[in-house]
């Protein structure tokens, strides 16, 4: 098992399933619960580990107002009007299953047409795009 943990080509989900087994064998319910959350995502009432909480990301907006068409404008939440800031949380908990996060990690941008579990407080605001730099 040690070799598999150190092998960077080993899928993370597979290692987490091994953690489930290890937790069962050692009687560690906390290890099993953590591995379950990582594999299936964190419930709305579950505490998300700090490594899965990001500061509020930049918000990219495309808009039309009269003859003015603005595409891809990026804002920090503090640049929004005070009322709009109330709808944008200061942090962004990543509650998705680890396999979903792995697939998103290779993307240059992430769009939510329905914010779902990603950002429950923004549901009334509709479609949103989050700018993301993929630094290698």
Foldseek 3Di string as FASTA:
>chain_A
DVVLVVPPVRDPLVVLVVQLVVCVVVVPPVSNVVSVQQAAFDDPPDDFDPVQKAFQFWWFDWDDDPPDTRGGDTDDLVPDPPVVNVLGDRIWGDGHHNVVVVVCLPDQKDKDQACPPRRVSCRVVGIIIGGDHNDD
